[in-house]
Amino acid sequence: MRQYDPSDEFGISAAQYSEIIENVNLFFEKLSERLPKEVSYDEFSDGDTAYEETEYLDLLNNPNYTTVYEKHGWAHVKDFFDKFGELEDGIEYALVFRVDRRKGIYNEAFGNTILGILMARDPEMKRCFTCSTGDSQDGQNHFWLLKRK
């Protein structure tokens, strides 16, 4: 995240970004403290078949979510970030970005930055966020804010 410069994209200062990085680090430190120290895996016996549970990761077509706001063809997140209004307390939201490949170089930093900004808006509120970033198929930037039904 330290290699990423969010000033043009998000309109935040280096000090604000530094605080976001520290908050992200703190989050992962707290998460690792809650994980079990040792994880054991049962071995498969002959004839057992391994399978992966199906996850519904296509948020835009997930029937459990509804679109609250969307913006297409934008240049920077700061251009529309304040337009999707107040987020409700206790609600699960999903942010979906499909961006020009030049923005996608730092997908993790991009997603962590916007989540950090949203969490800092009102730290007392309890919200759950999912953020999906990926390459745009048409060279344009797209954003959807979804709310769990």
N, C-alpha and C. Protein backbone atom coordinates (compact mmCIF):
# COMPACT_ATOMS: atom_id res chain seq x y z
N MET A 1 0.82 -1.20 0.00
CA MET A 1 0.00 0.00 0.00
C MET A 1 0.86 1.26 0.00
N ARG A 2 2.07 1.16 0.55
CA ARG A 2 2.91 2.36 0.64
C ARG A 2 3.37 2.84 -0.74
N GLN A 3 3.37 1.95 -1.74
CA GLN A 3 3.78 2.34 -3.09
C GLN A 3 2.67 3.05 -3.84
N TYR A 4 1.47 2.99 -3.34
CA TYR A 4 0.30 3.56 -4.02
C TYR A 4 0.12 5.01 -3.62
N ASP A 5 -0.15 5.89 -4.58
CA ASP A 5 -0.40 7.31 -4.30
C ASP A 5 -1.88 7.59 -4.60
N PRO A 6 -2.69 7.73 -3.56
CA PRO A 6 -4.13 7.91 -3.75
C PRO A 6 -4.58 9.36 -3.91
N SER A 7 -3.65 10.30 -3.93
CA SER A 7 -4.05 11.72 -3.92
C SER A 7 -4.91 12.10 -5.12
N ASP A 8 -4.54 11.70 -6.32
CA ASP A 8 -5.35 12.04 -7.49
C ASP A 8 -6.66 11.27 -7.51
N GLU A 9 -6.59 10.00 -7.17
CA GLU A 9 -7.78 9.14 -7.26
C GLU A 9 -8.82 9.49 -6.21
N PHE A 10 -8.39 9.66 -4.96
CA PHE A 10 -9.34 9.84 -3.86
C PHE A 10 -9.35 11.25 -3.28
N GLY A 11 -8.39 12.08 -3.66
CA GLY A 11 -8.35 13.44 -3.16
C GLY A 11 -8.01 13.53 -1.68
N ILE A 12 -7.15 12.62 -1.21
CA ILE A 12 -6.76 12.65 0.19
C ILE A 12 -5.27 12.98 0.29
N SER A 13 -4.90 13.49 1.44
CA SER A 13 -3.51 13.89 1.67
C SER A 13 -2.66 12.68 2.05
N ALA A 14 -1.35 12.88 2.05
CA ALA A 14 -0.42 11.83 2.46
C ALA A 14 -0.66 11.45 3.92
N ALA A 15 -0.98 12.43 4.76
CA ALA A 15 -1.25 12.15 6.19
C ALA A 15 -2.51 11.31 6.35
N GLN A 16 -3.56 11.63 5.59
CA GLN A 16 -4.78 10.83 5.65
C GLN A 16 -4.52 9.41 5.19
N TYR A 17 -3.74 9.26 4.12
CA TYR A 17 -3.44 7.94 3.60
C TYR A 17 -2.58 7.14 4.59
N SER A 18 -1.66 7.80 5.24
CA SER A 18 -0.83 7.15 6.24
C SER A 18 -1.69 6.59 7.37
N GLU A 19 -2.70 7.35 7.77
CA GLU A 19 -3.63 6.89 8.81
C GLU A 19 -4.42 5.68 8.33
N ILE A 20 -4.83 5.67 7.07
CA ILE A 20 -5.55 4.52 6.52
C ILE A 20 -4.66 3.29 6.55
N ILE A 21 -3.40 3.45 6.15
CA ILE A 21 -2.47 2.31 6.16
C ILE A 21 -2.33 1.76 7.58
N GLU A 22 -2.19 2.65 8.55
CA GLU A 22 -2.05 2.20 9.94
C GLU A 22 -3.31 1.47 10.41
N ASN A 23 -4.48 1.97 10.01
CA ASN A 23 -5.74 1.31 10.38
C ASN A 23 -5.86 -0.07 9.74
N VAL A 24 -5.43 -0.19 8.48
CA VAL A 24 -5.45 -1.49 7.79
C VAL A 24 -4.51 -2.46 8.50
N ASN A 25 -3.31 -1.98 8.84
CA ASN A 25 -2.36 -2.83 9.57
C ASN A 25 -2.92 -3.28 10.92
N LEU A 26 -3.55 -2.36 11.63
CA LEU A 26 -4.15 -2.68 12.93
C LEU A 26 -5.26 -3.72 12.76
N PHE A 27 -6.08 -3.56 11.72
CA PHE A 27 -7.14 -4.52 11.46
C PHE A 27 -6.57 -5.93 11.28
N PHE A 28 -5.53 -6.05 10.45
CA PHE A 28 -4.95 -7.38 10.20
C PHE A 28 -4.23 -7.93 11.44
N GLU A 29 -3.65 -7.06 12.25
CA GLU A 29 -3.03 -7.53 13.49
C GLU A 29 -4.09 -8.10 14.43
N LYS A 30 -5.21 -7.40 14.56
CA LYS A 30 -6.29 -7.88 15.43
C LYS A 30 -6.88 -9.17 14.88
N LEU A 31 -7.00 -9.25 13.57
CA LEU A 31 -7.53 -10.46 12.95
C LEU A 31 -6.61 -11.65 13.21
N SER A 32 -5.32 -11.45 13.07
CA SER A 32 -4.37 -12.56 13.28
C SER A 32 -4.34 -12.99 14.75
N GLU A 33 -4.62 -12.09 15.68
CA GLU A 33 -4.66 -12.45 17.09
C GLU A 33 -5.84 -13.37 17.39
N ARG A 34 -6.93 -13.23 16.62
CA ARG A 34 -8.13 -14.05 16.85
C ARG A 34 -8.06 -15.40 16.17
N LEU A 35 -7.14 -15.58 15.25
CA LEU A 35 -7.02 -16.86 14.56
C LEU A 35 -6.35 -17.88 15.46
N PRO A 36 -6.70 -19.15 15.29
CA PRO A 36 -6.03 -20.18 16.10
C PRO A 36 -4.53 -20.21 15.79
N LYS A 37 -3.74 -20.50 16.82
CA LYS A 37 -2.29 -20.52 16.65
C LYS A 37 -1.84 -21.66 15.76
N GLU A 38 -2.50 -22.79 15.90
CA GLU A 38 -2.15 -23.94 15.07
C GLU A 38 -3.39 -24.40 14.35
N VAL A 39 -3.23 -24.68 13.10
CA VAL A 39 -4.33 -25.19 12.30
C VAL A 39 -3.95 -26.59 11.83
N SER A 40 -4.81 -27.56 12.06
CA SER A 40 -4.52 -28.92 11.60
C SER A 40 -5.51 -29.29 10.52
N TYR A 41 -5.07 -30.12 9.62
CA TYR A 41 -5.91 -30.58 8.52
C TYR A 41 -5.99 -32.09 8.58
N ASP A 42 -7.20 -32.60 8.47
CA ASP A 42 -7.37 -34.05 8.41
C ASP A 42 -6.92 -34.54 7.04
N GLU A 43 -6.24 -35.66 7.03
CA GLU A 43 -5.81 -36.23 5.76
C GLU A 43 -6.97 -36.94 5.11
N PHE A 44 -6.99 -36.92 3.79
CA PHE A 44 -8.00 -37.66 3.05
C PHE A 44 -7.61 -39.12 3.01
N SER A 45 -8.58 -39.97 3.16
CA SER A 45 -8.29 -41.40 2.98
C SER A 45 -8.49 -41.74 1.51
N ASP A 46 -7.99 -42.87 1.12
CA ASP A 46 -8.16 -43.28 -0.27
C ASP A 46 -9.64 -43.29 -0.62
N GLY A 47 -9.95 -42.72 -1.76
CA GLY A 47 -11.32 -42.70 -2.23
C GLY A 47 -12.08 -41.44 -1.87
N ASP A 48 -11.56 -40.65 -0.92
CA ASP A 48 -12.21 -39.38 -0.60
C ASP A 48 -11.99 -38.40 -1.74
N THR A 49 -12.99 -37.62 -2.02
CA THR A 49 -12.90 -36.64 -3.08
C THR A 49 -12.91 -35.25 -2.46
N ALA A 50 -11.93 -34.47 -2.83
CA ALA A 50 -11.90 -33.08 -2.36
C ALA A 50 -12.80 -32.25 -3.26
N TYR A 51 -13.51 -31.33 -2.67
CA TYR A 51 -14.33 -30.42 -3.46
C TYR A 51 -14.32 -29.04 -2.81
N GLU A 52 -14.58 -28.05 -3.61
CA GLU A 52 -14.61 -26.68 -3.12
C GLU A 52 -16.07 -26.24 -3.07
N GLU A 53 -16.45 -25.64 -1.96
CA GLU A 53 -17.82 -25.16 -1.86
C GLU A 53 -18.05 -24.04 -2.85
N THR A 54 -19.24 -24.03 -3.42
CA THR A 54 -19.58 -23.00 -4.39
C THR A 54 -19.86 -21.70 -3.65
N GLU A 55 -19.19 -20.66 -4.08
CA GLU A 55 -19.44 -19.34 -3.52
C GLU A 55 -20.04 -18.47 -4.61
N TYR A 56 -20.96 -17.62 -4.25
CA TYR A 56 -21.60 -16.75 -5.22
C TYR A 56 -20.88 -15.41 -5.19
N LEU A 57 -19.82 -15.30 -5.99
CA LEU A 57 -18.98 -14.11 -5.93
C LEU A 57 -19.35 -13.05 -6.95
N ASP A 58 -20.26 -13.35 -7.86
CA ASP A 58 -20.70 -12.37 -8.85
C ASP A 58 -21.71 -11.45 -8.19
N LEU A 59 -21.21 -10.45 -7.47
CA LEU A 59 -22.07 -9.60 -6.66
C LEU A 59 -23.13 -8.86 -7.47
N LEU A 60 -22.80 -8.50 -8.71
CA LEU A 60 -23.75 -7.75 -9.53
C LEU A 60 -24.98 -8.57 -9.90
N ASN A 61 -24.85 -9.88 -9.88
CA ASN A 61 -25.98 -10.76 -10.20
C ASN A 61 -26.44 -11.57 -9.00
N ASN A 62 -25.98 -11.19 -7.82
CA ASN A 62 -26.35 -11.89 -6.61
C ASN A 62 -27.74 -11.42 -6.17
N PRO A 63 -28.71 -12.31 -6.06
CA PRO A 63 -30.07 -11.91 -5.69
C PRO A 63 -30.20 -11.38 -4.27
N ASN A 64 -29.16 -11.56 -3.46
CA ASN A 64 -29.21 -11.07 -2.09
C ASN A 64 -28.82 -9.60 -1.97
N TYR A 65 -28.41 -8.99 -3.08
CA TYR A 65 -28.00 -7.59 -3.07
C TYR A 65 -28.86 -6.77 -4.03
N THR A 66 -29.03 -5.52 -3.69
CA THR A 66 -29.72 -4.58 -4.56
C THR A 66 -28.81 -3.38 -4.81
N THR A 67 -28.87 -2.81 -5.99
CA THR A 67 -28.02 -1.66 -6.33
C THR A 67 -28.58 -0.39 -5.70
N VAL A 68 -27.71 0.32 -4.97
CA VAL A 68 -28.08 1.57 -4.32
C VAL A 68 -27.63 2.76 -5.17
N TYR A 69 -26.46 2.61 -5.80
CA TYR A 69 -25.88 3.69 -6.59
C TYR A 69 -24.93 3.07 -7.61
N GLU A 70 -24.85 3.69 -8.78
CA GLU A 70 -23.85 3.27 -9.76
C GLU A 70 -23.37 4.47 -10.56
N LYS A 71 -22.13 4.38 -11.00
CA LYS A 71 -21.50 5.46 -11.78
C LYS A 71 -20.60 4.81 -12.83
N HIS A 72 -20.71 5.29 -14.06
CA HIS A 72 -19.93 4.73 -15.16
C HIS A 72 -19.21 5.84 -15.91
N GLY A 73 -18.03 5.52 -16.43
CA GLY A 73 -17.28 6.47 -17.24
C GLY A 73 -16.59 7.56 -16.44
N TRP A 74 -16.33 7.34 -15.18
CA TRP A 74 -15.70 8.35 -14.33
C TRP A 74 -14.18 8.28 -14.47
N ALA A 75 -13.54 9.39 -14.07
CA ALA A 75 -12.08 9.46 -14.14
C ALA A 75 -11.44 9.13 -12.79
N HIS A 76 -12.01 9.67 -11.71
CA HIS A 76 -11.45 9.46 -10.36
C HIS A 76 -12.59 9.22 -9.37
N VAL A 77 -12.34 8.42 -8.37
CA VAL A 77 -13.34 8.13 -7.35
C VAL A 77 -13.77 9.41 -6.64
N LYS A 78 -12.85 10.34 -6.44
CA LYS A 78 -13.19 11.59 -5.73
C LYS A 78 -14.28 12.38 -6.45
N ASP A 79 -14.48 12.13 -7.75
CA ASP A 79 -15.49 12.86 -8.52
C ASP A 79 -16.92 12.49 -8.14
N PHE A 80 -17.12 11.30 -7.58
CA PHE A 80 -18.48 10.87 -7.25
C PHE A 80 -18.62 10.31 -5.83
N PHE A 81 -17.54 10.20 -5.11
CA PHE A 81 -17.54 9.52 -3.82
C PHE A 81 -18.58 10.06 -2.84
N ASP A 82 -18.79 11.35 -2.81
CA ASP A 82 -19.75 11.93 -1.86
C ASP A 82 -21.19 11.92 -2.38
N LYS A 83 -21.41 11.40 -3.56
CA LYS A 83 -22.75 11.45 -4.16
C LYS A 83 -23.63 10.27 -3.80
N PHE A 84 -23.09 9.20 -3.21
CA PHE A 84 -23.97 8.08 -2.93
C PHE A 84 -24.52 8.08 -1.51
N GLY A 85 -24.43 9.20 -0.83
CA GLY A 85 -25.17 9.43 0.40
C GLY A 85 -24.66 8.70 1.62
N GLU A 86 -25.43 8.86 2.66
CA GLU A 86 -25.09 8.26 3.95
C GLU A 86 -25.36 6.77 3.92
N LEU A 87 -24.47 6.03 4.51
CA LEU A 87 -24.65 4.59 4.62
C LEU A 87 -25.30 4.28 5.96
N GLU A 88 -26.19 3.31 5.96
CA GLU A 88 -26.98 2.99 7.15
C GLU A 88 -26.18 2.14 8.14
N ASP A 89 -26.49 2.33 9.40
CA ASP A 89 -25.86 1.57 10.48
C ASP A 89 -26.37 0.13 10.45
N GLY A 90 -25.47 -0.82 10.67
CA GLY A 90 -25.85 -2.22 10.76
C GLY A 90 -26.15 -2.91 9.44
N ILE A 91 -25.80 -2.29 8.33
CA ILE A 91 -26.12 -2.84 7.01
C ILE A 91 -24.84 -3.35 6.34
N GLU A 92 -24.97 -4.41 5.55
CA GLU A 92 -23.86 -4.95 4.78
C GLU A 92 -23.89 -4.35 3.38
N TYR A 93 -22.75 -3.80 2.96
CA TYR A 93 -22.63 -3.19 1.64
C TYR A 93 -21.53 -3.88 0.83
N ALA A 94 -21.68 -3.82 -0.47
CA ALA A 94 -20.64 -4.32 -1.38
C ALA A 94 -20.31 -3.21 -2.37
N LEU A 95 -19.03 -2.96 -2.56
CA LEU A 95 -18.57 -1.99 -3.54
C LEU A 95 -17.93 -2.79 -4.67
N VAL A 96 -18.35 -2.52 -5.89
CA VAL A 96 -17.81 -3.24 -7.03
C VAL A 96 -17.21 -2.21 -7.98
N PHE A 97 -15.92 -2.38 -8.26
CA PHE A 97 -15.20 -1.52 -9.20
C PHE A 97 -14.72 -2.36 -10.36
N ARG A 98 -14.99 -1.90 -11.55
CA ARG A 98 -14.37 -2.45 -12.76
C ARG A 98 -13.68 -1.26 -13.41
N VAL A 99 -12.36 -1.29 -13.40
CA VAL A 99 -11.59 -0.10 -13.78
C VAL A 99 -10.63 -0.38 -14.92
N ASP A 100 -10.26 0.70 -15.59
CA ASP A 100 -9.24 0.64 -16.63
C ASP A 100 -8.00 -0.01 -16.04
N ARG A 101 -7.33 -0.80 -16.81
CA ARG A 101 -6.17 -1.57 -16.32
C ARG A 101 -5.11 -0.70 -15.65
N ARG A 102 -4.98 0.55 -16.05
CA ARG A 102 -3.96 1.41 -15.43
C ARG A 102 -4.26 1.66 -13.96
N LYS A 103 -5.52 1.66 -13.57
CA LYS A 103 -5.87 1.80 -12.16
C LYS A 103 -5.71 0.48 -11.42
N GLY A 104 -5.79 -0.62 -12.13
CA GLY A 104 -5.78 -1.93 -11.51
C GLY A 104 -4.43 -2.43 -11.06
N ILE A 105 -3.39 -1.65 -11.27
CA ILE A 105 -2.05 -2.07 -10.88
C ILE A 105 -1.99 -2.36 -9.39
N TYR A 106 -2.66 -1.55 -8.60
CA TYR A 106 -2.63 -1.70 -7.15
C TYR A 106 -4.03 -2.02 -6.62
N ASN A 107 -4.67 -3.06 -7.13
CA ASN A 107 -6.05 -3.38 -6.74
C ASN A 107 -6.25 -3.46 -5.23
N GLU A 108 -5.35 -4.10 -4.51
CA GLU A 108 -5.52 -4.22 -3.06
C GLU A 108 -5.44 -2.86 -2.38
N ALA A 109 -4.50 -2.04 -2.78
CA ALA A 109 -4.38 -0.70 -2.19
C ALA A 109 -5.59 0.14 -2.55
N PHE A 110 -6.06 0.02 -3.77
CA PHE A 110 -7.23 0.77 -4.22
C PHE A 110 -8.44 0.42 -3.34
N GLY A 111 -8.71 -0.87 -3.20
CA GLY A 111 -9.85 -1.31 -2.39
C GLY A 111 -9.69 -0.97 -0.92
N ASN A 112 -8.50 -1.18 -0.36
CA ASN A 112 -8.27 -0.85 1.05
C ASN A 112 -8.39 0.64 1.32
N THR A 113 -8.02 1.46 0.35
CA THR A 113 -8.12 2.91 0.53
C THR A 113 -9.57 3.34 0.63
N ILE A 114 -10.40 2.88 -0.30
CA ILE A 114 -11.80 3.32 -0.24
C ILE A 114 -12.50 2.76 1.00
N LEU A 115 -12.17 1.54 1.39
CA LEU A 115 -12.76 0.99 2.61
C LEU A 115 -12.30 1.78 3.83
N GLY A 116 -11.02 2.17 3.85
CA GLY A 116 -10.51 2.98 4.95
C GLY A 116 -11.19 4.32 5.05
N ILE A 117 -11.45 4.95 3.91
CA ILE A 117 -12.14 6.24 3.90
C ILE A 117 -13.57 6.07 4.42
N LEU A 118 -14.25 5.04 3.96
CA LEU A 118 -15.64 4.81 4.41
C LEU A 118 -15.70 4.53 5.90
N MET A 119 -14.77 3.73 6.41
CA MET A 119 -14.78 3.41 7.83
C MET A 119 -14.46 4.64 8.69
N ALA A 120 -13.62 5.52 8.18
CA ALA A 120 -13.25 6.72 8.93
C ALA A 120 -14.36 7.76 8.95
N ARG A 121 -15.30 7.67 8.02
CA ARG A 121 -16.39 8.65 7.96
C ARG A 121 -17.17 8.72 9.26
N ASP A 122 -17.54 7.59 9.79
CA ASP A 122 -18.28 7.54 11.05
C ASP A 122 -17.89 6.25 11.77
N PRO A 123 -16.78 6.32 12.54
CA PRO A 123 -16.24 5.10 13.15
C PRO A 123 -17.15 4.42 14.16
N GLU A 124 -18.16 5.12 14.65
CA GLU A 124 -19.07 4.53 15.64
C GLU A 124 -20.12 3.62 15.00
N MET A 125 -20.34 3.81 13.71
CA MET A 125 -21.35 2.99 13.03
C MET A 125 -20.81 1.58 12.79
N LYS A 126 -21.71 0.62 12.85
CA LYS A 126 -21.35 -0.76 12.58
C LYS A 126 -21.85 -1.10 11.18
N ARG A 127 -20.89 -1.31 10.29
CA ARG A 127 -21.22 -1.68 8.92
C ARG A 127 -20.27 -2.77 8.48
N CYS A 128 -20.69 -3.51 7.51
CA CYS A 128 -19.85 -4.55 6.94
C CYS A 128 -19.68 -4.23 5.46
N PHE A 129 -18.43 -4.24 4.99
CA PHE A 129 -18.15 -3.92 3.61
C PHE A 129 -17.45 -5.08 2.91
N THR A 130 -17.81 -5.27 1.68
CA THR A 130 -17.10 -6.14 0.76
C THR A 130 -16.69 -5.25 -0.40
N CYS A 131 -15.48 -5.43 -0.89
CA CYS A 131 -15.03 -4.62 -2.01
C CYS A 131 -14.41 -5.53 -3.05
N SER A 132 -14.91 -5.43 -4.26
CA SER A 132 -14.41 -6.22 -5.37
C SER A 132 -13.86 -5.26 -6.43
N THR A 133 -12.60 -5.44 -6.79
CA THR A 133 -12.01 -4.63 -7.85
C THR A 133 -11.53 -5.55 -8.95
N GLY A 134 -11.68 -5.08 -10.16
CA GLY A 134 -11.23 -5.87 -11.30
C GLY A 134 -11.09 -5.01 -12.53
N ASP A 135 -10.57 -5.62 -13.57
CA ASP A 135 -10.36 -4.90 -14.82
C ASP A 135 -11.68 -4.72 -15.56
N SER A 136 -11.83 -3.55 -16.15
CA SER A 136 -12.98 -3.26 -16.99
C SER A 136 -12.80 -3.95 -18.34
N GLN A 137 -13.89 -4.39 -18.90
CA GLN A 137 -13.83 -5.04 -20.21
C GLN A 137 -13.93 -4.05 -21.36
N ASP A 138 -14.36 -2.81 -21.07
CA ASP A 138 -14.55 -1.83 -22.13
C ASP A 138 -13.62 -0.62 -22.03
N GLY A 139 -12.64 -0.66 -21.11
CA GLY A 139 -11.70 0.45 -20.96
C GLY A 139 -12.25 1.63 -20.19
N GLN A 140 -13.51 1.57 -19.76
CA GLN A 140 -14.14 2.62 -18.96
C GLN A 140 -14.12 2.19 -17.49
N ASN A 141 -14.28 3.16 -16.60
CA ASN A 141 -14.35 2.89 -15.18
C ASN A 141 -15.81 2.76 -14.76
N HIS A 142 -16.10 1.73 -13.94
CA HIS A 142 -17.47 1.47 -13.50
C HIS A 142 -17.48 1.24 -11.99
N PHE A 143 -18.55 1.69 -11.34
CA PHE A 143 -18.70 1.50 -9.90
C PHE A 143 -20.16 1.20 -9.58
N TRP A 144 -20.36 0.24 -8.68
CA TRP A 144 -21.69 -0.07 -8.15
C TRP A 144 -21.58 -0.15 -6.64
N LEU A 145 -22.54 0.45 -5.95
CA LEU A 145 -22.69 0.28 -4.51
C LEU A 145 -23.93 -0.57 -4.31
N LEU A 146 -23.73 -1.71 -3.69
CA LEU A 146 -24.82 -2.66 -3.46
C LEU A 146 -25.11 -2.77 -1.98
N LYS A 147 -26.34 -3.07 -1.66
CA LYS A 147 -26.78 -3.22 -0.27
C LYS A 147 -27.41 -4.60 -0.13
N ARG A 148 -27.04 -5.31 0.94
CA ARG A 148 -27.64 -6.62 1.17
C ARG A 148 -29.10 -6.43 1.54
N LYS A 149 -29.95 -7.24 0.92
CA LYS A 149 -31.41 -7.15 1.18
C LYS A 149 -31.73 -7.67 2.57
